[in-house]
Amino acid sequence: MSTTIYTQSGPLSKALTAGNSNAIDWAALEILELLPVADGRYAAGEGGAYAPNRLFLMPYCEGGAGAAFSMRIIGWRAFSQPGDRKQVSIPYLICELACVACNVGGPSAPIMTPPYPNIMAPTERVCDDVVLALGSLGCGPSGPGFINSAGAGSDIPASALVDLGGCQLFQFDFKTTGPVTANCLWARA
């Protein structure tokens, strides 16, 4: 008897839909009573029970080739005492990726005018160098997480497959230096 494992495969979306991040430090993480879905924060599934176990990631930034930034994926899980209706959401680090932009930029078609809500701008560049800085890419039931990166200067877009570790919500967080704004293309995998 053979078992086939099916995964979701959909189009990429921007992690931050309201614009790229220019944060110079990580967002403060605290235990919260109510954690709504917000820009950069997504429900992993229905109460965490039916959730894709992995994310496909392609970090990018607005900045020149060689621009560097860091990106974190934060997981959130609900906690409550038995019989208590009050719940709190507790954050934890899934992984931190160090990213370097390459020469491959967004399309420069004449029909493009700012803002660019659904596509990359000509001044935005995907990364060709992505490395794991902290945390884990995971090892889910569909196989281990991984980074596919040819390295800085290769101009081959890098990607990562990250296990969510059963979180109920996940959040993208960015840390930049210099004149760089960061974001990520992602899909459930």
Protein backbone atom coordinates (compact mmCIF):
# COMPACT_ATOMS: atom_id res chain seq x y z
CA MET A 1 0.00 0.00 0.00
CA SER A 2 1.42 3.36 -0.95
CA THR A 3 0.65 6.68 0.62
CA THR A 4 0.65 9.90 -1.34
CA ILE A 5 1.24 13.15 0.48
CA TYR A 6 -0.50 16.11 -1.09
CA THR A 7 0.64 19.68 -0.58
CA GLN A 8 -0.98 22.97 -1.41
CA SER A 9 0.54 24.95 -4.24
CA GLY A 10 -0.74 28.41 -4.90
CA PRO A 11 0.46 31.74 -6.23
CA LEU A 12 2.84 33.84 -4.20
CA SER A 13 1.52 36.76 -2.13
CA LYS A 14 3.27 39.67 -0.44
CA ALA A 15 3.80 39.11 3.30
CA LEU A 16 3.25 42.81 4.03
CA THR A 17 0.44 44.09 1.82
CA ALA A 18 0.49 47.69 3.10
CA GLY A 19 4.09 48.26 1.96
CA ASN A 20 7.61 47.10 2.70
CA SER A 21 9.12 47.28 6.18
CA ASN A 22 11.84 49.77 7.05
CA ALA A 23 12.02 48.70 10.72
CA ILE A 24 15.51 48.91 12.17
CA ASP A 25 14.69 46.56 15.03
CA TRP A 26 12.48 43.54 15.63
CA ALA A 27 8.87 44.01 16.70
CA ALA A 28 8.38 43.58 20.44
CA LEU A 29 6.86 40.18 21.21
CA GLU A 30 4.70 39.79 24.27
CA ILE A 31 2.03 37.42 25.46
CA LEU A 32 -1.29 38.93 24.39
CA GLU A 33 -4.89 38.28 25.40
CA LEU A 34 -6.25 38.66 21.90
CA LEU A 35 -4.20 38.32 18.76
CA PRO A 36 -6.03 39.38 15.62
CA VAL A 37 -4.91 38.65 12.10
CA ALA A 38 -3.16 41.81 10.81
CA ASP A 39 -0.83 42.88 7.99
CA GLY A 40 2.04 40.41 8.10
CA ARG A 41 0.21 38.07 10.52
CA TYR A 42 -1.82 35.17 9.16
CA ALA A 43 -3.93 32.32 10.47
CA ALA A 44 -2.19 29.02 9.88
CA GLY A 45 -5.51 27.18 9.67
CA GLU A 46 -8.81 26.59 11.41
CA GLY A 47 -7.81 26.89 15.06
CA GLY A 48 -4.48 25.30 14.18
CA ALA A 49 -6.21 21.95 13.64
CA TYR A 50 -6.23 22.10 9.84
CA ALA A 51 -3.08 23.93 8.91
CA PRO A 52 -0.52 23.57 6.15
CA ASN A 53 2.67 22.50 7.79
CA ARG A 54 5.03 24.61 5.67
CA LEU A 55 5.57 27.97 3.99
CA PHE A 56 7.43 28.65 0.74
CA LEU A 57 9.36 31.95 1.05
CA MET A 58 11.16 34.27 -1.40
CA PRO A 59 12.49 37.32 0.48
CA TYR A 60 12.93 40.58 -1.45
CA CYS A 61 13.71 44.23 -0.78
CA GLU A 62 13.76 47.66 -2.28
CA GLY A 63 17.42 48.53 -2.44
CA GLY A 64 20.44 47.92 -4.60
CA ALA A 65 22.08 44.59 -5.36
CA GLY A 66 23.94 43.49 -2.24
CA ALA A 67 21.47 45.17 0.13
CA ALA A 68 21.09 43.05 3.26
CA PHE A 69 18.27 42.55 5.75
CA SER A 70 16.98 39.94 8.17
CA MET A 71 13.57 38.30 8.31
CA ARG A 72 11.91 36.32 11.10
CA ILE A 73 8.95 33.99 11.06
CA ILE A 74 7.21 34.08 14.44
CA GLY A 75 4.67 31.42 15.44
CA TRP A 76 1.81 32.02 17.87
CA ARG A 77 -0.06 29.43 19.95
CA ALA A 78 -3.09 29.89 22.16
CA PHE A 79 -2.93 28.93 25.84
CA SER A 80 -5.74 28.60 28.37
CA GLN A 81 -6.36 26.68 31.56
CA PRO A 82 -8.92 23.84 31.41
CA GLY A 83 -12.38 25.26 32.09
CA ASP A 84 -11.16 28.85 31.68
CA ARG A 85 -12.57 30.79 28.72
CA LYS A 86 -9.74 33.31 28.79
CA GLN A 87 -7.01 32.61 26.25
CA VAL A 88 -3.65 34.21 25.66
CA SER A 89 -1.44 33.99 22.58
CA ILE A 90 2.21 33.12 23.15
CA PRO A 91 4.83 33.97 20.49
CA TYR A 92 7.88 31.86 19.64
CA LEU A 93 10.66 32.02 17.07
CA ILE A 94 10.36 29.62 14.15
CA CYS A 95 13.36 30.92 12.21
CA GLU A 96 15.42 33.96 11.30
CA LEU A 97 16.85 34.30 7.80
CA ALA A 98 19.70 36.59 6.72
CA CYS A 99 19.00 37.82 3.17
CA VAL A 100 21.05 39.58 0.46
CA ALA A 101 19.45 41.12 -2.65
CA CYS A 102 20.61 40.31 -6.16
CA ASN A 103 20.28 42.09 -9.53
CA VAL A 104 16.94 40.45 -10.38
CA GLY A 105 14.26 43.11 -10.01
CA GLY A 106 10.55 43.35 -10.58
CA PRO A 107 9.01 43.90 -14.01
CA SER A 108 9.43 47.27 -15.67
CA ALA A 109 6.42 47.21 -17.99
CA PRO A 110 5.18 50.63 -19.20
CA ILE A 111 1.74 50.02 -17.68
CA MET A 112 3.11 49.94 -14.13
CA THR A 113 2.45 52.99 -12.01
CA PRO A 114 2.95 53.33 -8.25
CA PRO A 115 1.78 51.98 -5.92
CA TYR A 116 2.42 48.37 -6.84
CA PRO A 117 -0.09 46.48 -4.66
CA ASN A 118 -0.03 43.12 -6.41
CA ILE A 119 3.36 42.90 -8.11
CA MET A 120 6.94 43.84 -7.42
CA ALA A 121 8.19 47.29 -8.41
CA PRO A 122 11.13 47.64 -10.83
CA THR A 123 13.22 48.90 -7.87
CA GLU A 124 12.50 45.80 -5.75
CA ARG A 125 14.93 42.89 -5.93
CA VAL A 126 14.63 39.25 -4.90
CA CYS A 127 17.46 37.72 -2.87
CA ASP A 128 20.06 35.31 -4.20
CA ASP A 129 21.66 34.68 -0.81
CA VAL A 130 19.51 33.42 2.08
CA VAL A 131 20.97 31.67 5.13
CA LEU A 132 19.49 30.41 8.39
CA ALA A 133 20.62 32.74 11.19
CA LEU A 134 18.52 31.41 14.12
CA GLY A 135 15.86 28.82 14.81
CA SER A 136 15.04 25.86 12.62
CA LEU A 137 13.61 25.22 9.17
CA GLY A 138 11.86 22.24 10.73
CA CYS A 139 11.24 18.65 9.76
CA GLY A 140 7.54 18.15 9.08
CA PRO A 141 5.69 15.04 7.86
CA SER A 142 6.15 16.13 4.22
CA GLY A 143 9.92 16.28 4.63
CA PRO A 144 12.50 18.66 6.06
CA GLY A 145 12.52 22.40 5.50
CA PHE A 146 15.34 23.72 3.34
CA ILE A 147 16.97 26.77 1.80
CA ASN A 148 17.73 26.80 -1.90
CA SER A 149 20.34 29.54 -2.37
CA ALA A 150 23.10 29.78 -4.98
CA GLY A 151 24.82 32.52 -2.99
CA ALA A 152 25.53 36.25 -3.27
CA GLY A 153 26.30 37.44 -6.77
CA SER A 154 24.70 34.44 -8.50
CA ASP A 155 21.54 36.37 -9.49
CA ILE A 156 19.55 33.15 -9.08
CA PRO A 157 16.52 33.88 -6.85
CA ALA A 158 16.74 32.04 -3.52
CA SER A 159 13.87 30.41 -1.67
CA ALA A 160 13.19 28.65 1.61
CA LEU A 161 10.70 26.04 2.75
CA VAL A 162 9.93 26.43 6.45
CA ASP A 163 7.98 24.11 8.76
CA LEU A 164 5.43 25.99 10.89
CA GLY A 165 5.66 23.61 13.84
CA GLY A 166 1.91 23.49 14.41
CA CYS A 167 1.43 27.19 15.14
CA GLN A 168 -2.04 28.72 14.98
CA LEU A 169 -0.88 32.09 13.63
CA PHE A 170 2.38 33.06 11.98
CA GLN A 171 3.90 36.49 11.55
CA PHE A 172 6.56 38.00 9.28
CA ASP A 173 9.00 40.41 10.92
CA PHE A 174 11.83 42.33 9.25
CA LYS A 175 14.96 44.16 10.39
CA THR A 176 16.76 46.45 7.96
CA THR A 177 19.87 48.58 7.91
CA GLY A 178 20.58 51.50 5.63
CA PRO A 179 18.25 52.62 2.85
CA VAL A 180 16.50 49.26 2.45
CA THR A 181 12.87 48.23 2.81
CA ALA A 182 12.09 44.51 3.09
CA ASN A 183 9.26 42.13 2.34
CA CYS A 184 8.73 38.51 1.31
CA LEU A 185 6.75 36.61 -1.29
CA TRP A 186 5.13 33.57 0.30
CA ALA A 187 2.74 30.71 -0.29
CA ARG A 188 1.40 27.88 1.82
CA ALA A 189 3.23 24.70 0.90
